[in-house]
Amino acid sequence: MSGMAVLVVEDDFIVAYDMQMMLEEQGARVLGPAHSLAEARELLASERPTVAVLDVNLGGEYVFPLADQLRSQDVPFVFATAYADEDRLFSQAATLGAPRLSKPVLPNVLITQLLRLKR
């Protein structure tokens, strides 16, 4: 993962911190973690990530508008969410075909998925 800039959008501090530490141990540079859509958009205004990890529900605010923005910028992303099996939530155009990982996400599963997206 060396050289990859990974945008992490996650509102749970502990989950975000663990994900950041794990990604940095693998050589990635973490943008964020962003805890809201506004924070994520601020980060995107200054830098384009290689890939992104998105929690679906950010304190009651769904991340799908950010997924639209990432898709329009050709930034691949994965959803890391407790809603991975809720197909009705993922019917929007921005989410179609995007991988979904169930929380808690195992580190090796996340790393494998992010490397797959980078290709």
C-alpha atoms as a PDB file:
ATOM      1  CA  MET A   1       0.000   0.000   0.000  1.00  0.00           C
ATOM      2  CA  SER A   2       3.057   2.178  -0.086  1.00  0.00           C
ATOM      3  CA  GLY A   3       2.359   5.428  -1.877  1.00  0.00           C
ATOM      4  CA  MET A   4      -1.424   5.113  -1.676  1.00  0.00           C
ATOM      5  CA  ALA A   5      -3.446   8.007  -0.271  1.00  0.00           C
ATOM      6  CA  VAL A   6      -6.522   6.540   1.424  1.00  0.00           C
ATOM      7  CA  LEU A   7      -9.450   8.762   2.357  1.00  0.00           C
ATOM      8  CA  VAL A   8     -11.078   7.354   5.497  1.00  0.00           C
ATOM      9  CA  VAL A   9     -14.603   8.572   6.244  1.00  0.00           C
ATOM     10  CA  GLU A  10     -15.793   7.138   9.559  1.00  0.00           C
ATOM     11  CA  ASP A  11     -17.678   8.795  12.422  1.00  0.00           C
ATOM     12  CA  ASP A  12     -16.747   6.315  15.157  1.00  0.00           C
ATOM     13  CA  PHE A  13     -13.486   7.576  16.656  1.00  0.00           C
ATOM     14  CA  ILE A  14     -12.194   4.168  17.739  1.00  0.00           C
ATOM     15  CA  VAL A  15     -12.985   2.484  14.412  1.00  0.00           C
ATOM     16  CA  ALA A  16     -11.439   5.411  12.511  1.00  0.00           C
ATOM     17  CA  TYR A  17      -8.306   5.379  14.669  1.00  0.00           C
ATOM     18  CA  ASP A  18      -7.850   1.615  14.321  1.00  0.00           C
ATOM     19  CA  MET A  19      -8.302   1.834  10.558  1.00  0.00           C
ATOM     20  CA  GLN A  20      -5.845   4.720  10.305  1.00  0.00           C
ATOM     21  CA  MET A  21      -3.183   2.883  12.327  1.00  0.00           C
ATOM     22  CA  MET A  22      -3.635  -0.315  10.326  1.00  0.00           C
ATOM     23  CA  LEU A  23      -3.409   1.483   6.965  1.00  0.00           C
ATOM     24  CA  GLU A  24      -0.358   3.482   8.027  1.00  0.00           C
ATOM     25  CA  GLU A  25       1.354   0.289   9.200  1.00  0.00           C
ATOM     26  CA  GLN A  26       0.868  -0.992   5.646  1.00  0.00           C
ATOM     27  CA  GLY A  27       2.557   2.102   4.211  1.00  0.00           C
ATOM     28  CA  ALA A  28      -0.541   4.057   3.160  1.00  0.00           C
ATOM     29  CA  ARG A  29      -0.977   7.761   3.810  1.00  0.00           C
ATOM     30  CA  VAL A  30      -4.350   8.381   5.418  1.00  0.00           C
ATOM     31  CA  LEU A  31      -6.414  11.439   4.530  1.00  0.00           C
ATOM     32  CA  GLY A  32      -8.565  12.121   7.549  1.00  0.00           C
ATOM     33  CA  PRO A  33     -10.193  10.330   9.096  1.00  0.00           C
ATOM     34  CA  ALA A  34     -13.147  12.533   8.252  1.00  0.00           C
ATOM     35  CA  HIS A  35     -16.046  12.245  10.664  1.00  0.00           C
ATOM     36  CA  SER A  36     -18.624  14.026   8.490  1.00  0.00           C
ATOM     37  CA  LEU A  37     -19.433  14.785   4.870  1.00  0.00           C
ATOM     38  CA  ALA A  38     -18.229  18.353   5.362  1.00  0.00           C
ATOM     39  CA  GLU A  39     -14.829  17.180   6.643  1.00  0.00           C
ATOM     40  CA  ALA A  40     -14.494  14.695   3.792  1.00  0.00           C
ATOM     41  CA  ARG A  41     -15.310  17.375   1.205  1.00  0.00           C
ATOM     42  CA  GLU A  42     -12.696  19.687   2.730  1.00  0.00           C
ATOM     43  CA  LEU A  43     -10.096  16.966   2.347  1.00  0.00           C
ATOM     44  CA  LEU A  44     -11.157  16.299  -1.246  1.00  0.00           C
ATOM     45  CA  ALA A  45     -10.873  19.998  -2.070  1.00  0.00           C
ATOM     46  CA  SER A  46      -7.155  19.889  -1.291  1.00  0.00           C
ATOM     47  CA  GLU A  47      -6.129  16.401  -2.447  1.00  0.00           C
ATOM     48  CA  ARG A  48      -7.314  13.531  -4.614  1.00  0.00           C
ATOM     49  CA  PRO A  49      -7.039  10.169  -2.833  1.00  0.00           C
ATOM     50  CA  THR A  50      -5.996   6.950  -4.526  1.00  0.00           C
ATOM     51  CA  VAL A  51      -8.935   5.102  -2.904  1.00  0.00           C
ATOM     52  CA  ALA A  52     -11.501   5.744  -0.176  1.00  0.00           C
ATOM     53  CA  VAL A  53     -13.136   3.825   2.654  1.00  0.00           C
ATOM     54  CA  LEU A  54     -16.635   5.061   3.447  1.00  0.00           C
ATOM     55  CA  ASP A  55     -18.867   4.404   6.418  1.00  0.00           C
ATOM     56  CA  VAL A  56     -22.474   4.671   5.225  1.00  0.00           C
ATOM     57  CA  ASN A  57     -24.063   6.433   8.197  1.00  0.00           C
ATOM     58  CA  LEU A  58     -22.170   9.382   9.624  1.00  0.00           C
ATOM     59  CA  GLY A  59     -24.178  10.303  12.681  1.00  0.00           C
ATOM     60  CA  GLY A  60     -27.460  10.184  10.781  1.00  0.00           C
ATOM     61  CA  GLU A  61     -26.041  11.634   7.560  1.00  0.00           C
ATOM     62  CA  TYR A  62     -25.672   9.190   4.665  1.00  0.00           C
ATOM     63  CA  VAL A  63     -22.413   9.198   2.739  1.00  0.00           C
ATOM     64  CA  PHE A  64     -23.992   8.631  -0.694  1.00  0.00           C
ATOM     65  CA  PRO A  65     -23.518  12.231  -1.956  1.00  0.00           C
ATOM     66  CA  LEU A  66     -19.798  11.830  -1.265  1.00  0.00           C
ATOM     67  CA  ALA A  67     -19.834   8.521  -3.153  1.00  0.00           C
ATOM     68  CA  ASP A  68     -21.313  10.421  -6.125  1.00  0.00           C
ATOM     69  CA  GLN A  69     -18.514  12.961  -5.898  1.00  0.00           C
ATOM     70  CA  LEU A  70     -15.816  10.288  -5.681  1.00  0.00           C
ATOM     71  CA  ARG A  71     -17.261   8.415  -8.623  1.00  0.00           C
ATOM     72  CA  SER A  72     -17.339  11.621 -10.719  1.00  0.00           C
ATOM     73  CA  GLN A  73     -13.646  12.101  -9.873  1.00  0.00           C
ATOM     74  CA  ASP A  74     -12.811   8.472 -10.752  1.00  0.00           C
ATOM     75  CA  VAL A  75     -11.754   7.676  -7.187  1.00  0.00           C
ATOM     76  CA  PRO A  76     -12.572   4.056  -6.354  1.00  0.00           C
ATOM     77  CA  PHE A  77     -14.147   3.414  -2.971  1.00  0.00           C
ATOM     78  CA  VAL A  78     -15.369   0.683  -0.684  1.00  0.00           C
ATOM     79  CA  PHE A  79     -18.151   0.869   1.884  1.00  0.00           C
ATOM     80  CA  ALA A  80     -17.193  -0.417   5.344  1.00  0.00           C
ATOM     81  CA  THR A  81     -20.522  -0.599   7.066  1.00  0.00           C
ATOM     82  CA  ALA A  82     -22.903  -2.386   9.363  1.00  0.00           C
ATOM     83  CA  TYR A  83     -25.440  -2.034   6.528  1.00  0.00           C
ATOM     84  CA  ALA A  84     -23.566  -4.270   4.062  1.00  0.00           C
ATOM     85  CA  ASP A  85     -26.582  -6.549   3.564  1.00  0.00           C
ATOM     86  CA  GLU A  86     -29.154  -3.741   3.168  1.00  0.00           C
ATOM     87  CA  ASP A  87     -29.580  -3.751  -0.616  1.00  0.00           C
ATOM     88  CA  ARG A  88     -32.275  -1.067  -0.477  1.00  0.00           C
ATOM     89  CA  LEU A  89     -29.694   1.436   0.803  1.00  0.00           C
ATOM     90  CA  PHE A  90     -27.362   0.677  -2.064  1.00  0.00           C
ATOM     91  CA  SER A  91     -29.737   1.190  -4.984  1.00  0.00           C
ATOM     92  CA  GLN A  92     -28.426   4.661  -5.877  1.00  0.00           C
ATOM     93  CA  ALA A  93     -26.320   5.042  -9.014  1.00  0.00           C
ATOM     94  CA  ALA A  94     -23.167   6.017  -7.112  1.00  0.00           C
ATOM     95  CA  THR A  95     -23.256   2.836  -5.077  1.00  0.00           C
ATOM     96  CA  LEU A  96     -23.896   0.348  -7.871  1.00  0.00           C
ATOM     97  CA  GLY A  97     -20.976  -2.020  -8.190  1.00  0.00           C
ATOM     98  CA  ALA A  98     -19.146  -0.565  -5.197  1.00  0.00           C
ATOM     99  CA  PRO A  99     -17.791  -3.211  -2.849  1.00  0.00           C
ATOM    100  CA  ARG A 100     -19.301  -3.476   0.623  1.00  0.00           C
ATOM    101  CA  LEU A 101     -17.493  -4.844   3.633  1.00  0.00           C
ATOM    102  CA  SER A 102     -19.313  -5.734   6.840  1.00  0.00           C
ATOM    103  CA  LYS A 103     -18.127  -4.204  10.093  1.00  0.00           C
ATOM    104  CA  PRO A 104     -16.093  -5.084  11.915  1.00  0.00           C
ATOM    105  CA  VAL A 105     -13.802  -5.232   8.893  1.00  0.00           C
ATOM    106  CA  LEU A 106     -10.862  -7.574   9.205  1.00  0.00           C
ATOM    107  CA  PRO A 107      -7.596  -5.783   8.343  1.00  0.00           C
ATOM    108  CA  ASN A 108      -6.513  -8.311   5.713  1.00  0.00           C
ATOM    109  CA  VAL A 109      -9.919  -8.106   4.003  1.00  0.00           C
ATOM    110  CA  LEU A 110      -9.774  -4.302   3.844  1.00  0.00           C
ATOM    111  CA  ILE A 111      -6.201  -4.250   2.571  1.00  0.00           C
ATOM    112  CA  THR A 112      -6.967  -6.840  -0.105  1.00  0.00           C
ATOM    113  CA  GLN A 113     -10.027  -4.877  -1.251  1.00  0.00           C
ATOM    114  CA  LEU A 114      -8.168  -1.555  -1.395  1.00  0.00           C
ATOM    115  CA  LEU A 115      -5.327  -3.078  -3.397  1.00  0.00           C
ATOM    116  CA  ARG A 116      -7.877  -4.590  -5.767  1.00  0.00           C
ATOM    117  CA  LEU A 117      -9.516  -1.167  -6.231  1.00  0.00           C
ATOM    118  CA  LYS A 118      -6.182   0.521  -6.964  1.00  0.00           C
ATOM    119  CA  ARG A 119      -5.600  -1.531 -10.104  1.00  0.00           C
END
